[in-house]
Amino acid sequence: MTKAEFLEAFQDVLQRDDAVSETEVLADMDEWDSLSKMATMAYFKGHFGIAITLDQLGKLEKVSDLIALAGNNIK
């Protein structure tokens, strides 16, 4: 998966109309709430086989941190 494909998929996970950039601060997004965090956890488990916790998500600051968390799954 490319970064662009991930950003588009993450936009869908957030159910957001506007495009997502990797430099955006997660806490500044209106859509970044408990439901979208759970959806992000499910997405990572389903698409990458990576189990992440709410605690891990709480430590992330930017969308780029999610990309880094995906590791080699995103090129």
PDB file of N, CA and C in Angstrom:
ATOM      1  N   MET A   1       0.851  -1.179   0.000  1.00  0.00           N
ATOM      2  CA  MET A   1       0.000   0.000   0.000  1.00  0.00           C
ATOM      3  C   MET A   1       0.894   1.239   0.000  1.00  0.00           C
ATOM      4  N   THR A   2       0.534   2.212  -0.803  1.00  0.00           N
ATOM      5  CA  THR A   2       1.279   3.466  -0.831  1.00  0.00           C
ATOM      6  C   THR A   2       0.747   4.420   0.252  1.00  0.00           C
ATOM      7  N   LYS A   3       1.509   5.472   0.507  1.00  0.00           N
ATOM      8  CA  LYS A   3       1.051   6.484   1.471  1.00  0.00           C
ATOM      9  C   LYS A   3      -0.257   7.112   1.005  1.00  0.00           C
ATOM     10  N   ALA A   4      -0.334   7.393  -0.295  1.00  0.00           N
ATOM     11  CA  ALA A   4      -1.551   8.013  -0.839  1.00  0.00           C
ATOM     12  C   ALA A   4      -2.757   7.103  -0.648  1.00  0.00           C
ATOM     13  N   GLU A   5      -2.578   5.810  -0.866  1.00  0.00           N
ATOM     14  CA  GLU A   5      -3.677   4.856  -0.672  1.00  0.00           C
ATOM     15  C   GLU A   5      -4.076   4.791   0.802  1.00  0.00           C
ATOM     16  N   PHE A   6      -3.074   4.818   1.691  1.00  0.00           N
ATOM     17  CA  PHE A   6      -3.388   4.805   3.122  1.00  0.00           C
ATOM     18  C   PHE A   6      -4.141   6.072   3.522  1.00  0.00           C
ATOM     19  N   LEU A   7      -3.687   7.222   3.052  1.00  0.00           N
ATOM     20  CA  LEU A   7      -4.346   8.488   3.412  1.00  0.00           C
ATOM     21  C   LEU A   7      -5.793   8.495   2.944  1.00  0.00           C
ATOM     22  N   GLU A   8      -6.035   7.942   1.775  1.00  0.00           N
ATOM     23  CA  GLU A   8      -7.404   7.855   1.267  1.00  0.00           C
ATOM     24  C   GLU A   8      -8.240   6.893   2.114  1.00  0.00           C
ATOM     25  N   ALA A   9      -7.644   5.764   2.476  1.00  0.00           N
ATOM     26  CA  ALA A   9      -8.349   4.788   3.316  1.00  0.00           C
ATOM     27  C   ALA A   9      -8.616   5.381   4.700  1.00  0.00           C
ATOM     28  N   PHE A  10      -7.642   6.115   5.254  1.00  0.00           N
ATOM     29  CA  PHE A  10      -7.811   6.725   6.573  1.00  0.00           C
ATOM     30  C   PHE A  10      -8.900   7.787   6.544  1.00  0.00           C
ATOM     31  N   GLN A  11      -8.994   8.500   5.444  1.00  0.00           N
ATOM     32  CA  GLN A  11     -10.080   9.471   5.265  1.00  0.00           C
ATOM     33  C   GLN A  11     -11.424   8.751   5.356  1.00  0.00           C
ATOM     34  N   ASP A  12     -11.515   7.586   4.751  1.00  0.00           N
ATOM     35  CA  ASP A  12     -12.748   6.788   4.821  1.00  0.00           C
ATOM     36  C   ASP A  12     -13.007   6.302   6.240  1.00  0.00           C
ATOM     37  N   VAL A  13     -11.951   5.854   6.921  1.00  0.00           N
ATOM     38  CA  VAL A  13     -12.090   5.389   8.308  1.00  0.00           C
ATOM     39  C   VAL A  13     -12.654   6.509   9.174  1.00  0.00           C
ATOM     40  N   LEU A  14     -12.171   7.709   8.941  1.00  0.00           N
ATOM     41  CA  LEU A  14     -12.635   8.866   9.718  1.00  0.00           C
ATOM     42  C   LEU A  14     -14.010   9.361   9.279  1.00  0.00           C
ATOM     43  N   GLN A  15     -14.482   8.872   8.136  1.00  0.00           N
ATOM     44  CA  GLN A  15     -15.726   9.353   7.535  1.00  0.00           C
ATOM     45  C   GLN A  15     -15.656  10.869   7.365  1.00  0.00           C
ATOM     46  N   ARG A  16     -14.558  11.279   6.743  1.00  0.00           N
ATOM     47  CA  ARG A  16     -14.243  12.694   6.578  1.00  0.00           C
ATOM     48  C   ARG A  16     -14.361  13.080   5.107  1.00  0.00           C
ATOM     49  N   ASP A  17     -14.899  14.257   4.848  1.00  0.00           N
ATOM     50  CA  ASP A  17     -15.037  14.749   3.479  1.00  0.00           C
ATOM     51  C   ASP A  17     -13.715  15.285   2.926  1.00  0.00           C
ATOM     52  N   ASP A  18     -12.963  15.968   3.767  1.00  0.00           N
ATOM     53  CA  ASP A  18     -11.708  16.581   3.336  1.00  0.00           C
ATOM     54  C   ASP A  18     -10.584  15.546   3.300  1.00  0.00           C
ATOM     55  N   ALA A  19      -9.655  15.758   2.378  1.00  0.00           N
ATOM     56  CA  ALA A  19      -8.487  14.887   2.278  1.00  0.00           C
ATOM     57  C   ALA A  19      -7.658  14.967   3.558  1.00  0.00           C
ATOM     58  N   VAL A  20      -6.946  13.898   3.847  1.00  0.00           N
ATOM     59  CA  VAL A  20      -6.086  13.817   5.027  1.00  0.00           C
ATOM     60  C   VAL A  20      -4.640  13.924   4.561  1.00  0.00           C
ATOM     61  N   SER A  21      -3.843  14.720   5.266  1.00  0.00           N
ATOM     62  CA  SER A  21      -2.413  14.807   4.958  1.00  0.00           C
ATOM     63  C   SER A  21      -1.625  14.185   6.095  1.00  0.00           C
ATOM     64  N   GLU A  22      -0.437  13.701   5.769  1.00  0.00           N
ATOM     65  CA  GLU A  22       0.347  13.020   6.799  1.00  0.00           C
ATOM     66  C   GLU A  22       0.905  13.972   7.846  1.00  0.00           C
ATOM     67  N   THR A  23       0.861  15.281   7.595  1.00  0.00           N
ATOM     68  CA  THR A  23       1.368  16.252   8.572  1.00  0.00           C
ATOM     69  C   THR A  23       0.298  16.728   9.551  1.00  0.00           C
ATOM     70  N   GLU A  24      -0.942  16.308   9.348  1.00  0.00           N
ATOM     71  CA  GLU A  24      -2.031  16.764  10.225  1.00  0.00           C
ATOM     72  C   GLU A  24      -1.889  16.206  11.636  1.00  0.00           C
ATOM     73  N   VAL A  25      -2.235  17.040  12.593  1.00  0.00           N
ATOM     74  CA  VAL A  25      -2.233  16.651  13.997  1.00  0.00           C
ATOM     75  C   VAL A  25      -3.562  15.957  14.292  1.00  0.00           C
ATOM     76  N   LEU A  26      -3.476  14.747  14.802  1.00  0.00           N
ATOM     77  CA  LEU A  26      -4.685  13.952  15.050  1.00  0.00           C
ATOM     78  C   LEU A  26      -5.636  14.661  16.004  1.00  0.00           C
ATOM     79  N   ALA A  27      -5.118  15.225  17.077  1.00  0.00           N
ATOM     80  CA  ALA A  27      -5.959  15.869  18.083  1.00  0.00           C
ATOM     81  C   ALA A  27      -6.706  17.086  17.527  1.00  0.00           C
ATOM     82  N   ASP A  28      -6.208  17.659  16.436  1.00  0.00           N
ATOM     83  CA  ASP A  28      -6.856  18.819  15.827  1.00  0.00           C
ATOM     84  C   ASP A  28      -8.002  18.436  14.901  1.00  0.00           C
ATOM     85  N   MET A  29      -8.140  17.150  14.607  1.00  0.00           N
ATOM     86  CA  MET A  29      -9.205  16.686  13.715  1.00  0.00           C
ATOM     87  C   MET A  29     -10.488  16.483  14.512  1.00  0.00           C
ATOM     88  N   ASP A  30     -11.572  17.087  14.052  1.00  0.00           N
ATOM     89  CA  ASP A  30     -12.863  16.909  14.716  1.00  0.00           C
ATOM     90  C   ASP A  30     -13.285  15.445  14.706  1.00  0.00           C
ATOM     91  N   GLU A  31     -12.902  14.734  13.654  1.00  0.00           N
ATOM     92  CA  GLU A  31     -13.331  13.341  13.490  1.00  0.00           C
ATOM     93  C   GLU A  31     -12.548  12.361  14.368  1.00  0.00           C
ATOM     94  N   TRP A  32     -11.434  12.779  14.946  1.00  0.00           N
ATOM     95  CA  TRP A  32     -10.586  11.894  15.743  1.00  0.00           C
ATOM     96  C   TRP A  32     -11.185  11.745  17.141  1.00  0.00           C
ATOM     97  N   ASP A  33     -12.155  10.846  17.248  1.00  0.00           N
ATOM     98  CA  ASP A  33     -12.839  10.593  18.518  1.00  0.00           C
ATOM     99  C   ASP A  33     -12.718   9.111  18.863  1.00  0.00           C
ATOM    100  N   SER A  34     -13.399   8.693  19.896  1.00  0.00           N
ATOM    101  CA  SER A  34     -13.274   7.303  20.345  1.00  0.00           C
ATOM    102  C   SER A  34     -13.745   6.298  19.288  1.00  0.00           C
ATOM    103  N   LEU A  35     -14.783   6.653  18.537  1.00  0.00           N
ATOM    104  CA  LEU A  35     -15.262   5.742  17.490  1.00  0.00           C
ATOM    105  C   LEU A  35     -14.263   5.611  16.357  1.00  0.00           C
ATOM    106  N   SER A  36     -13.656   6.715  15.947  1.00  0.00           N
ATOM    107  CA  SER A  36     -12.679   6.636  14.867  1.00  0.00           C
ATOM    108  C   SER A  36     -11.401   5.938  15.333  1.00  0.00           C
ATOM    109  N   LYS A  37     -11.081   6.056  16.607  1.00  0.00           N
ATOM    110  CA  LYS A  37      -9.924   5.322  17.138  1.00  0.00           C
ATOM    111  C   LYS A  37     -10.183   3.816  17.091  1.00  0.00           C
ATOM    112  N   MET A  38     -11.393   3.420  17.452  1.00  0.00           N
ATOM    113  CA  MET A  38     -11.743   1.994  17.381  1.00  0.00           C
ATOM    114  C   MET A  38     -11.728   1.518  15.924  1.00  0.00           C
ATOM    115  N   ALA A  39     -12.225   2.347  15.017  1.00  0.00           N
ATOM    116  CA  ALA A  39     -12.222   2.000  13.592  1.00  0.00           C
ATOM    117  C   ALA A  39     -10.785   1.898  13.071  1.00  0.00           C
ATOM    118  N   THR A  40      -9.910   2.761  13.547  1.00  0.00           N
ATOM    119  CA  THR A  40      -8.501   2.714  13.155  1.00  0.00           C
ATOM    120  C   THR A  40      -7.852   1.430  13.661  1.00  0.00           C
ATOM    121  N   MET A  41      -8.156   1.059  14.876  1.00  0.00           N
ATOM    122  CA  MET A  41      -7.634  -0.196  15.438  1.00  0.00           C
ATOM    123  C   MET A  41      -8.100  -1.386  14.594  1.00  0.00           C
ATOM    124  N   ALA A  42      -9.359  -1.397  14.228  1.00  0.00           N
ATOM    125  CA  ALA A  42      -9.906  -2.488  13.407  1.00  0.00           C
ATOM    126  C   ALA A  42      -9.267  -2.489  12.024  1.00  0.00           C
ATOM    127  N   TYR A  43      -9.043  -1.308  11.461  1.00  0.00           N
ATOM    128  CA  TYR A  43      -8.418  -1.208  10.141  1.00  0.00           C
ATOM    129  C   TYR A  43      -7.005  -1.792  10.168  1.00  0.00           C
ATOM    130  N   PHE A  44      -6.230  -1.400  11.165  1.00  0.00           N
ATOM    131  CA  PHE A  44      -4.853  -1.892  11.275  1.00  0.00           C
ATOM    132  C   PHE A  44      -4.824  -3.406  11.463  1.00  0.00           C
ATOM    133  N   LYS A  45      -5.730  -3.928  12.268  1.00  0.00           N
ATOM    134  CA  LYS A  45      -5.781  -5.377  12.490  1.00  0.00           C
ATOM    135  C   LYS A  45      -6.199  -6.093  11.212  1.00  0.00           C
ATOM    136  N   GLY A  46      -7.207  -5.586  10.538  1.00  0.00           N
ATOM    137  CA  GLY A  46      -7.734  -6.244   9.354  1.00  0.00           C
ATOM    138  C   GLY A  46      -6.846  -6.140   8.126  1.00  0.00           C
ATOM    139  N   HIS A  47      -6.196  -5.000   7.942  1.00  0.00           N
ATOM    140  CA  HIS A  47      -5.402  -4.782   6.735  1.00  0.00           C
ATOM    141  C   HIS A  47      -3.916  -5.074   6.899  1.00  0.00           C
ATOM    142  N   PHE A  48      -3.405  -4.888   8.100  1.00  0.00           N
ATOM    143  CA  PHE A  48      -1.975  -5.061   8.313  1.00  0.00           C
ATOM    144  C   PHE A  48      -1.640  -6.187   9.290  1.00  0.00           C
ATOM    145  N   GLY A  49      -2.647  -6.704   9.987  1.00  0.00           N
ATOM    146  CA  GLY A  49      -2.386  -7.726  10.996  1.00  0.00           C
ATOM    147  C   GLY A  49      -1.695  -7.172  12.225  1.00  0.00           C
ATOM    148  N   ILE A  50      -1.850  -5.872  12.450  1.00  0.00           N
ATOM    149  CA  ILE A  50      -1.208  -5.195  13.581  1.00  0.00           C
ATOM    150  C   ILE A  50      -2.266  -4.852  14.622  1.00  0.00           C
ATOM    151  N   ALA A  51      -2.098  -5.391  15.817  1.00  0.00           N
ATOM    152  CA  ALA A  51      -3.012  -5.081  16.920  1.00  0.00           C
ATOM    153  C   ALA A  51      -2.444  -3.877  17.675  1.00  0.00           C
ATOM    154  N   ILE A  52      -3.212  -2.791  17.694  1.00  0.00           N
ATOM    155  CA  ILE A  52      -2.796  -1.610  18.446  1.00  0.00           C
ATOM    156  C   ILE A  52      -3.828  -1.316  19.518  1.00  0.00           C
ATOM    157  N   THR A  53      -3.398  -0.644  20.555  1.00  0.00           N
ATOM    158  CA  THR A  53      -4.266  -0.357  21.695  1.00  0.00           C
ATOM    159  C   THR A  53      -4.653   1.121  21.701  1.00  0.00           C
ATOM    160  N   LEU A  54      -5.664   1.432  22.467  1.00  0.00           N
ATOM    161  CA  LEU A  54      -6.051   2.838  22.641  1.00  0.00           C
ATOM    162  C   LEU A  54      -4.919   3.635  23.266  1.00  0.00           C
ATOM    163  N   ASP A  55      -4.157   2.991  24.154  1.00  0.00           N
ATOM    164  CA  ASP A  55      -3.021   3.653  24.782  1.00  0.00           C
ATOM    165  C   ASP A  55      -1.979   4.039  23.729  1.00  0.00           C
ATOM    166  N   GLN A  56      -1.708   3.129  22.802  1.00  0.00           N
ATOM    167  CA  GLN A  56      -0.766   3.433  21.727  1.00  0.00           C
ATOM    168  C   GLN A  56      -1.290   4.577  20.865  1.00  0.00           C
ATOM    169  N   LEU A  57      -2.565   4.539  20.511  1.00  0.00           N
ATOM    170  CA  LEU A  57      -3.150   5.598  19.703  1.00  0.00           C
ATOM    171  C   LEU A  57      -3.081   6.942  20.417  1.00  0.00           C
ATOM    172  N   GLY A  58      -3.265   6.920  21.729  1.00  0.00           N
ATOM    173  CA  GLY A  58      -3.231   8.154  22.505  1.00  0.00           C
ATOM    174  C   GLY A  58      -1.873   8.836  22.499  1.00  0.00           C
ATOM    175  N   LYS A  59      -0.828   8.072  22.221  1.00  0.00           N
ATOM    176  CA  LYS A  59       0.532   8.624  22.194  1.00  0.00           C
ATOM    177  C   LYS A  59       0.923   9.177  20.830  1.00  0.00           C
ATOM    178  N   LEU A  60       0.107   8.909  19.826  1.00  0.00           N
ATOM    179  CA  LEU A  60       0.415   9.384  18.480  1.00  0.00           C
ATOM    180  C   LEU A  60      -0.007  10.841  18.335  1.00  0.00           C
ATOM    181  N   GLU A  61       0.795  11.605  17.619  1.00  0.00           N
ATOM    182  CA  GLU A  61       0.499  13.016  17.446  1.00  0.00           C
ATOM    183  C   GLU A  61      -0.002  13.360  16.050  1.00  0.00           C
ATOM    184  N   LYS A  62       0.633  12.786  15.031  1.00  0.00           N
ATOM    185  CA  LYS A  62       0.304  13.142  13.653  1.00  0.00           C
ATOM    186  C   LYS A  62      -0.098  11.910  12.856  1.00  0.00           C
ATOM    187  N   VAL A  63      -0.714  12.152  11.708  1.00  0.00           N
ATOM    188  CA  VAL A  63      -1.071  11.066  10.804  1.00  0.00           C
ATOM    189  C   VAL A  63       0.188  10.302  10.395  1.00  0.00           C
ATOM    190  N   SER A  64       1.299  11.006  10.266  1.00  0.00           N
ATOM    191  CA  SER A  64       2.565  10.354   9.908  1.00  0.00           C
ATOM    192  C   SER A  64       2.974   9.314  10.953  1.00  0.00           C
ATOM    193  N   ASP A  65       2.558   9.492  12.205  1.00  0.00           N
ATOM    194  CA  ASP A  65       2.845   8.500  13.248  1.00  0.00           C
ATOM    195  C   ASP A  65       2.084   7.204  12.980  1.00  0.00           C
ATOM    196  N   LEU A  66       0.882   7.313  12.436  1.00  0.00           N
ATOM    197  CA  LEU A  66       0.115   6.116  12.046  1.00  0.00           C
ATOM    198  C   LEU A  66       0.816   5.391  10.900  1.00  0.00           C
ATOM    199  N   ILE A  67       1.341   6.177   9.953  1.00  0.00           N
ATOM    200  CA  ILE A  67       2.063   5.581   8.831  1.00  0.00           C
ATOM    201  C   ILE A  67       3.295   4.847   9.346  1.00  0.00           C
ATOM    202  N   ALA A  68       4.011   5.450  10.272  1.00  0.00           N
ATOM    203  CA  ALA A  68       5.186   4.798  10.852  1.00  0.00           C
ATOM    204  C   ALA A  68       4.799   3.530  11.610  1.00  0.00           C
ATOM    205  N   LEU A  69       3.655   3.562  12.282  1.00  0.00           N
ATOM    206  CA  LEU A  69       3.173   2.405  13.024  1.00  0.00           C
ATOM    207  C   LEU A  69       2.882   1.227  12.098  1.00  0.00           C
ATOM    208  N   ALA A  70       2.466   1.526  10.881  1.00  0.00           N
ATOM    209  CA  ALA A  70       2.191   0.475   9.907  1.00  0.00           C
ATOM    210  C   ALA A  70       3.465  -0.160   9.364  1.00  0.00           C
ATOM    211  N   GLY A  71       4.573   0.510   9.552  1.00  0.00           N
ATOM    212  CA  GLY A  71       5.871  -0.047   9.143  1.00  0.00           C
ATOM    213  C   GLY A  71       5.949  -0.296   7.650  1.00  0.00           C
ATOM    214  N   ASN A  72       6.449  -1.482   7.302  1.00  0.00           N
ATOM    215  CA  ASN A  72       6.672  -1.840   5.889  1.00  0.00           C
ATOM    216  C   ASN A  72       5.387  -2.074   5.112  1.00  0.00           C
ATOM    217  N   ASN A  73       4.251  -2.015   5.777  1.00  0.00           N
ATOM    218  CA  ASN A  73       2.966  -2.195   5.091  1.00  0.00           C
ATOM    219  C   ASN A  73       2.620  -1.008   4.199  1.00  0.00           C
ATOM    220  N   ILE A  74       3.253   0.142   4.484  1.00  0.00           N
ATOM    221  CA  ILE A  74       3.022   1.359   3.695  1.00  0.00           C
ATOM    222  C   ILE A  74       4.353   1.798   3.116  1.00  0.00           C
ATOM    223  N   LYS A  75       4.381   1.965   1.818  1.00  0.00           N
ATOM    224  CA  LYS A  75       5.626   2.356   1.147  1.00  0.00           C
ATOM    225  C   LYS A  75       5.563   3.783   0.657  1.00  0.00           C
TER     226      LYS A  75
END
